[in-house]
Amino acid sequence: MIDKKQLQEVVTTITDCMKAIGVIAAAPTLKQGLQGRTPRDFRQELLRSIQRFLDAGEVLQTAQSGNKSLADAEPMVREFQALVEKWNPDVNPEPGLTERARETLMAMGIPEPPGGWEQLARQFKPTRA
């Protein structure tokens, strides 16, 4: 059984992961999302966020986002993680990475925002590094 503190940790983990992937999904706003960090530093933060999401395993088996099971998104998240590991960070990620980020968010229950993915001007501020 998961206690309240563990649940809060998992919610933070899921949120941080979705926000980080959202920065890539909104490729034209990537420079804004970097908030002064280098693309390499952002890549490392993104990989840490993805790994924490994947490490949440047991809780993901019952978690939902929108009408999607987060456990069902795990294979897509792992595929995205593999692409990010190969990414040579630049201010403009290659289109394949951006498209996969968008597909990964949709698999996680996050629909395309009104006005398109480019409107995702949210900036990634991890709760923990």
Foldseek 3Di string as FASTA:
>chain_A
DDDPVRVVVLVLLVVLQLQLLLLLLLQVLVVVQCVPPAQVVSLVSNLVSLVVNVVVPVVLQPDAAANARSVQLNVLSVVLSVVSVVWPGDSGGDPVSNVSSQVSSVNRVHHADVVGSNPSNDHRDRPPD
